[in-house]
Amino acid sequence: MGCIVLYKKIIIEAIDYIKEHLEEDLSVEKIAEHCHFSKYYFNRIFKSEVGESVYAFIKRLKIERSATQIIREQDKSITEISASYGYSSSNYSTAFKKHYKKSPAVLKKYFTDNKIIENNKGFFADLTNKDYDYYNNKMELVELQDIQVIYNRFIGNYHNLRNHWEGFCENYNMYFDKQSWLIQISYDDPILTDPERCITDICVTTTKNIKSDFATMIIKGGRYMLYNFEGPSAKVFETFQGLFSVWLIKTNHKIELETRKIFIKYNVVDCENNYFSIDIYIPIK
């Protein structure tokens, strides 16, 4: 296995470890030890691959994940959410304002009061006339088995994913067959995260033997709510915003993200006519 491939696998493992233990007292030493590297060498590799130090990455993720919870878990107080990430109220408010240029309460009010959500990076969602029933009427409960996939991870703007998919399909074409699922796992909301720092896994299922140096993972099975979207690519972001800002807040289903992930499966990709059909899978308990 080449050094570049090895380093990428290590960084994927490190990022996953950080995400899974974000509410704990994380240190560079602890993460480096988990990845079997010295603190200094690991920090150098991480910064080279990710574009920020381990400490800066952890600090940013804590603020961004807490912001997501403030918006979507409205039964919890801001103080309760900030405390789960090790912040006191005053320290949290200061760190939050430094990152978002507004207080946690102001950000929460913006998402609560506004039907049009946008930033200056090309992401726009108009949720006018889109209530809970608009999404819930299209929901279907399904049961999935575990799914093994080959995947590549990318850090960068979702608008550039087409280029990454083209390269991925070319590199792994030998594993595709008629039963293959093309799957995408997008970990960040580009309204809350700098679009250039968003993380995405693009994946393919296969029934063939996989080379040992390829990155693989198991998407855990279980109960999922399935939502089908059909339309232009620009409306995909809007659909996700609606599902998370409208449906998820009001649903009685308990979303299960501790051990499973939200993912999308591409059914039809017609770039020439800007038409996409995708299934969005949301894990529930």
Foldseek 3Di string as FASTA:
>chain_A
DDPVLVLQVLLVVLVVVCVLQLLDDDDLCVSCVVSPHHSVVNQVSNCVVQVDGPVVVSLLVLLLVLLLCVQQVVVDDSQVSNVSNPDHPVRNQVSNCVQVVDGSVVSNCCLVPDQWDDDPPLAIARNVPPAQCNFVVQKDKDWDAKFKKFKDKDFAAPVCVVVVVVVVCVVCVVFDDPPKWWKKFWDHQCSRDVRNGTMMITIITGPDDDDPSTDMDIAHIGIWIKGKDKDAPSCVSNVVSCCRNHNSNPDPFAFDDSRHGWMKTWDDDDPVVRITIIMIITHTD
